[in-house]
Amino acid sequence: MHIAGVHSIGSLGAVHYLADIYREVKKSSFSLAVRACYEGQTITESELAAGPYVW
C-alpha cells in the first residue's frame, strides 16, 4: 500500500476514506484520488475525487 498526499494532511484524508473504498474493491489493486477537509490536524470530511481505477 502506498499513500501520498500533496500535503502531509492529505495523506491522513486518504486514510480516512480508505475504509469506505476497501469494501468496494476488496483485494484488487487500485488507484484513486481523495479530497479531504480538515480543521487543525483533524480530518472532518473525505470524499472520492477520481477513481477508483482497478487494475
PDB file of N, CA and C in Angstrom:
ATOM      1  N   MET A   1       0.837  -1.146   0.000  1.00  0.00           N
ATOM      2  CA  MET A   1       0.000   0.000   0.000  1.00  0.00           C
ATOM      3  C   MET A   1       0.895   1.226   0.000  1.00  0.00           C
ATOM      4  N   HIS A   2       0.552   2.185  -0.880  1.00  0.00           N
ATOM      5  CA  HIS A   2       1.268   3.457  -0.940  1.00  0.00           C
ATOM      6  C   HIS A   2       0.246   4.571  -0.820  1.00  0.00           C
ATOM      7  N   ILE A   3       0.467   5.463   0.116  1.00  0.00           N
ATOM      8  CA  ILE A   3      -0.429   6.604   0.319  1.00  0.00           C
ATOM      9  C   ILE A   3       0.411   7.857   0.254  1.00  0.00           C
ATOM     10  N   ALA A   4      -0.011   8.812  -0.568  1.00  0.00           N
ATOM     11  CA  ALA A   4       0.729  10.064  -0.689  1.00  0.00           C
ATOM     12  C   ALA A   4      -0.256  11.210  -0.850  1.00  0.00           C
ATOM     13  N   GLY A   5       0.034  12.295  -0.182  1.00  0.00           N
ATOM     14  CA  GLY A   5      -0.784  13.486  -0.302  1.00  0.00           C
ATOM     15  C   GLY A   5       0.063  14.639  -0.810  1.00  0.00           C
ATOM     16  N   VAL A   6      -0.582  15.622  -1.402  1.00  0.00           N
ATOM     17  CA  VAL A   6       0.134  16.810  -1.834  1.00  0.00           C
ATOM     18  C   VAL A   6       0.754  17.480  -0.608  1.00  0.00           C
ATOM     19  N   HIS A   7       0.013  17.472   0.485  1.00  0.00           N
ATOM     20  CA  HIS A   7       0.500  17.932   1.786  1.00  0.00           C
ATOM     21  C   HIS A   7       0.381  16.747   2.740  1.00  0.00           C
ATOM     22  N   SER A   8       1.099  16.768   3.825  1.00  0.00           N
ATOM     23  CA  SER A   8       1.056  15.619   4.746  1.00  0.00           C
ATOM     24  C   SER A   8      -0.353  15.368   5.272  1.00  0.00           C
ATOM     25  N   ILE A   9      -1.133  16.409   5.500  1.00  0.00           N
ATOM     26  CA  ILE A   9      -2.510  16.233   5.978  1.00  0.00           C
ATOM     27  C   ILE A   9      -3.363  15.511   4.923  1.00  0.00           C
ATOM     28  N   GLY A  10      -2.975  15.639   3.650  1.00  0.00           N
ATOM     29  CA  GLY A  10      -3.703  14.947   2.590  1.00  0.00           C
ATOM     30  C   GLY A  10      -3.606  13.441   2.709  1.00  0.00           C
ATOM     31  N   SER A  11      -2.474  12.947   3.186  1.00  0.00           N
ATOM     32  CA  SER A  11      -2.328  11.508   3.403  1.00  0.00           C
ATOM     33  C   SER A  11      -3.303  11.031   4.467  1.00  0.00           C
ATOM     34  N   LEU A  12      -3.512  11.839   5.491  1.00  0.00           N
ATOM     35  CA  LEU A  12      -4.500  11.477   6.525  1.00  0.00           C
ATOM     36  C   LEU A  12      -5.904  11.439   5.941  1.00  0.00           C
ATOM     37  N   GLY A  13      -6.201  12.333   5.019  1.00  0.00           N
ATOM     38  CA  GLY A  13      -7.506  12.323   4.352  1.00  0.00           C
ATOM     39  C   GLY A  13      -7.713  11.052   3.548  1.00  0.00           C
ATOM     40  N   ALA A  14      -6.663  10.589   2.894  1.00  0.00           N
ATOM     41  CA  ALA A  14      -6.754   9.345   2.120  1.00  0.00           C
ATOM     42  C   ALA A  14      -7.020   8.161   3.032  1.00  0.00           C
ATOM     43  N   VAL A  15      -6.333   8.096   4.162  1.00  0.00           N
ATOM     44  CA  VAL A  15      -6.547   7.009   5.123  1.00  0.00           C
ATOM     45  C   VAL A  15      -7.971   7.065   5.668  1.00  0.00           C
ATOM     46  N   HIS A  16      -8.470   8.249   5.926  1.00  0.00           N
ATOM     47  CA  HIS A  16      -9.838   8.445   6.416  1.00  0.00           C
ATOM     48  C   HIS A  16     -10.846   7.828   5.449  1.00  0.00           C
ATOM     49  N   TYR A  17     -10.606   7.977   4.150  1.00  0.00           N
ATOM     50  CA  TYR A  17     -11.525   7.476   3.129  1.00  0.00           C
ATOM     51  C   TYR A  17     -11.305   6.002   2.803  1.00  0.00           C
ATOM     52  N   LEU A  18     -10.138   5.480   3.084  1.00  0.00           N
ATOM     53  CA  LEU A  18      -9.746   4.150   2.654  1.00  0.00           C
ATOM     54  C   LEU A  18     -10.704   3.045   3.103  1.00  0.00           C
ATOM     55  N   ALA A  19     -11.213   3.094   4.293  1.00  0.00           N
ATOM     56  CA  ALA A  19     -12.117   2.037   4.779  1.00  0.00           C
ATOM     57  C   ALA A  19     -13.368   1.945   3.909  1.00  0.00           C
ATOM     58  N   ASP A  20     -13.881   3.084   3.451  1.00  0.00           N
ATOM     59  CA  ASP A  20     -15.076   3.062   2.603  1.00  0.00           C
ATOM     60  C   ASP A  20     -14.792   2.420   1.252  1.00  0.00           C
ATOM     61  N   ILE A  21     -13.702   2.774   0.627  1.00  0.00           N
ATOM     62  CA  ILE A  21     -13.404   2.264  -0.707  1.00  0.00           C
ATOM     63  C   ILE A  21     -12.971   0.805  -0.663  1.00  0.00           C
ATOM     64  N   TYR A  22     -12.344   0.379   0.410  1.00  0.00           N
ATOM     65  CA  TYR A  22     -11.886  -1.011   0.510  1.00  0.00           C
ATOM     66  C   TYR A  22     -13.054  -1.983   0.395  1.00  0.00           C
ATOM     67  N   ARG A  23     -14.180  -1.646   0.953  1.00  0.00           N
ATOM     68  CA  ARG A  23     -15.355  -2.516   0.862  1.00  0.00           C
ATOM     69  C   ARG A  23     -15.784  -2.711  -0.591  1.00  0.00           C
ATOM     70  N   GLU A  24     -15.545  -1.710  -1.421  1.00  0.00           N
ATOM     71  CA  GLU A  24     -15.961  -1.774  -2.817  1.00  0.00           C
ATOM     72  C   GLU A  24     -14.988  -2.588  -3.677  1.00  0.00           C
ATOM     73  N   VAL A  25     -13.699  -2.404  -3.499  1.00  0.00           N
ATOM     74  CA  VAL A  25     -12.720  -3.044  -4.390  1.00  0.00           C
ATOM     75  C   VAL A  25     -12.110  -4.311  -3.810  1.00  0.00           C
ATOM     76  N   LYS A  26     -12.343  -4.574  -2.530  1.00  0.00           N
ATOM     77  CA  LYS A  26     -11.825  -5.766  -1.841  1.00  0.00           C
ATOM     78  C   LYS A  26     -10.314  -5.870  -1.982  1.00  0.00           C
ATOM     79  N   LYS A  27      -9.824  -6.982  -2.557  1.00  0.00           N
ATOM     80  CA  LYS A  27      -8.385  -7.213  -2.604  1.00  0.00           C
ATOM     81  C   LYS A  27      -7.765  -6.873  -3.958  1.00  0.00           C
ATOM     82  N   SER A  28      -8.489  -6.195  -4.827  1.00  0.00           N
ATOM     83  CA  SER A  28      -7.943  -5.792  -6.119  1.00  0.00           C
ATOM     84  C   SER A  28      -6.970  -4.635  -5.934  1.00  0.00           C
ATOM     85  N   SER A  29      -6.003  -4.528  -6.846  1.00  0.00           N
ATOM     86  CA  SER A  29      -5.128  -3.354  -6.854  1.00  0.00           C
ATOM     87  C   SER A  29      -5.910  -2.191  -7.457  1.00  0.00           C
ATOM     88  N   PHE A  30      -5.730  -1.003  -6.907  1.00  0.00           N
ATOM     89  CA  PHE A  30      -6.479   0.150  -7.404  1.00  0.00           C
ATOM     90  C   PHE A  30      -5.730   1.437  -7.099  1.00  0.00           C
ATOM     91  N   SER A  31      -6.126   2.485  -7.795  1.00  0.00           N
ATOM     92  CA  SER A  31      -5.624   3.826  -7.501  1.00  0.00           C
ATOM     93  C   SER A  31      -6.817   4.769  -7.474  1.00  0.00           C
ATOM     94  N   LEU A  32      -6.671   5.865  -6.753  1.00  0.00           N
ATOM     95  CA  LEU A  32      -7.748   6.832  -6.636  1.00  0.00           C
ATOM     96  C   LEU A  32      -7.196   8.155  -6.119  1.00  0.00           C
ATOM     97  N   ALA A  33      -8.013   9.174  -6.201  1.00  0.00           N
ATOM     98  CA  ALA A  33      -7.675  10.485  -5.636  1.00  0.00           C
ATOM     99  C   ALA A  33      -8.785  10.858  -4.659  1.00  0.00           C
ATOM    100  N   VAL A  34      -8.398  11.369  -3.506  1.00  0.00           N
ATOM    101  CA  VAL A  34      -9.340  11.725  -2.441  1.00  0.00           C
ATOM    102  C   VAL A  34      -9.220  13.209  -2.127  1.00  0.00           C
ATOM    103  N   ARG A  35     -10.349  13.840  -1.900  1.00  0.00           N
ATOM    104  CA  ARG A  35     -10.408  15.232  -1.457  1.00  0.00           C
ATOM    105  C   ARG A  35     -10.798  15.210   0.018  1.00  0.00           C
ATOM    106  N   ALA A  36     -10.099  15.973   0.846  1.00  0.00           N
ATOM    107  CA  ALA A  36     -10.384  15.967   2.284  1.00  0.00           C
ATOM    108  C   ALA A  36     -10.454  17.390   2.829  1.00  0.00           C
ATOM    109  N   CYS A  37     -11.272  17.560   3.848  1.00  0.00           N
ATOM    110  CA  CYS A  37     -11.367  18.822   4.590  1.00  0.00           C
ATOM    111  C   CYS A  37     -10.848  18.568   5.998  1.00  0.00           C
ATOM    112  N   TYR A  38     -10.259  19.561   6.595  1.00  0.00           N
ATOM    113  CA  TYR A  38      -9.697  19.380   7.924  1.00  0.00           C
ATOM    114  C   TYR A  38      -9.729  20.680   8.713  1.00  0.00           C
ATOM    115  N   GLU A  39      -9.685  20.524  10.021  1.00  0.00           N
ATOM    116  CA  GLU A  39      -9.549  21.626  10.968  1.00  0.00           C
ATOM    117  C   GLU A  39      -8.373  21.283  11.855  1.00  0.00           C
ATOM    118  N   GLY A  40      -7.338  22.106  11.822  1.00  0.00           N
ATOM    119  CA  GLY A  40      -6.126  21.779  12.566  1.00  0.00           C
ATOM    120  C   GLY A  40      -5.529  20.518  11.992  1.00  0.00           C
ATOM    121  N   GLN A  41      -5.345  19.506  12.802  1.00  0.00           N
ATOM    122  CA  GLN A  41      -4.822  18.220  12.354  1.00  0.00           C
ATOM    123  C   GLN A  41      -5.898  17.134  12.310  1.00  0.00           C
ATOM    124  N   THR A  42      -7.172  17.527  12.345  1.00  0.00           N
ATOM    125  CA  THR A  42      -8.284  16.579  12.352  1.00  0.00           C
ATOM    126  C   THR A  42      -9.014  16.599  11.019  1.00  0.00           C
ATOM    127  N   ILE A  43      -9.144  15.428  10.398  1.00  0.00           N
ATOM    128  CA  ILE A  43      -9.908  15.303   9.159  1.00  0.00           C
ATOM    129  C   ILE A  43     -11.383  15.375   9.505  1.00  0.00           C
ATOM    130  N   THR A  44     -12.107  16.290   8.876  1.00  0.00           N
ATOM    131  CA  THR A  44     -13.532  16.445   9.147  1.00  0.00           C
ATOM    132  C   THR A  44     -14.401  15.797   8.071  1.00  0.00           C
ATOM    133  N   GLU A  45     -13.831  15.606   6.877  1.00  0.00           N
ATOM    134  CA  GLU A  45     -14.594  15.041   5.769  1.00  0.00           C
ATOM    135  C   GLU A  45     -13.615  14.535   4.714  1.00  0.00           C
ATOM    136  N   SER A  46     -13.968  13.453   4.042  1.00  0.00           N
ATOM    137  CA  SER A  46     -13.182  12.978   2.909  1.00  0.00           C
ATOM    138  C   SER A  46     -14.141  12.413   1.876  1.00  0.00           C
ATOM    139  N   GLU A  47     -13.789  12.613   0.602  1.00  0.00           N
ATOM    140  CA  GLU A  47     -14.643  12.133  -0.475  1.00  0.00           C
ATOM    141  C   GLU A  47     -13.793  11.754  -1.681  1.00  0.00           C
ATOM    142  N   LEU A  48     -14.338  10.919  -2.516  1.00  0.00           N
ATOM    143  CA  LEU A  48     -13.663  10.461  -3.711  1.00  0.00           C
ATOM    144  C   LEU A  48     -13.604  11.593  -4.730  1.00  0.00           C
ATOM    145  N   ALA A  49     -12.429  11.894  -5.252  1.00  0.00           N
ATOM    146  CA  ALA A  49     -12.275  12.914  -6.290  1.00  0.00           C
ATOM    147  C   ALA A  49     -12.130  12.277  -7.669  1.00  0.00           C
ATOM    148  N   ALA A  50     -11.492  11.107  -7.757  1.00  0.00           N
ATOM    149  CA  ALA A  50     -11.337  10.390  -9.028  1.00  0.00           C
ATOM    150  C   ALA A  50     -11.081   8.913  -8.748  1.00  0.00           C
ATOM    151  N   GLY A  51     -11.639   8.057  -9.599  1.00  0.00           N
ATOM    152  CA  GLY A  51     -11.441   6.620  -9.437  1.00  0.00           C
ATOM    153  C   GLY A  51     -12.608   6.002  -8.682  1.00  0.00           C
ATOM    154  N   PRO A  52     -12.425   4.840  -8.143  1.00  0.00           N
ATOM    155  CA  PRO A  52     -11.200   4.043  -8.135  1.00  0.00           C
ATOM    156  C   PRO A  52     -10.975   3.390  -9.484  1.00  0.00           C
ATOM    157  N   TYR A  53      -9.724   3.279  -9.840  1.00  0.00           N
ATOM    158  CA  TYR A  53      -9.310   2.624 -11.060  1.00  0.00           C
ATOM    159  C   TYR A  53      -8.680   1.293 -10.666  1.00  0.00           C
ATOM    160  N   VAL A  54      -9.431   0.220 -10.911  1.00  0.00           N
ATOM    161  CA  VAL A  54      -8.973  -1.126 -10.551  1.00  0.00           C
ATOM    162  C   VAL A  54      -8.092  -1.643 -11.674  1.00  0.00           C
ATOM    163  N   TRP A  55      -6.969  -2.275 -11.312  1.00  0.00           N
ATOM    164  CA  TRP A  55      -6.039  -2.808 -12.318  1.00  0.00           C
ATOM    165  C   TRP A  55      -5.477  -4.127 -11.874  1.00  0.00           C
TER     166      TRP A  55
END
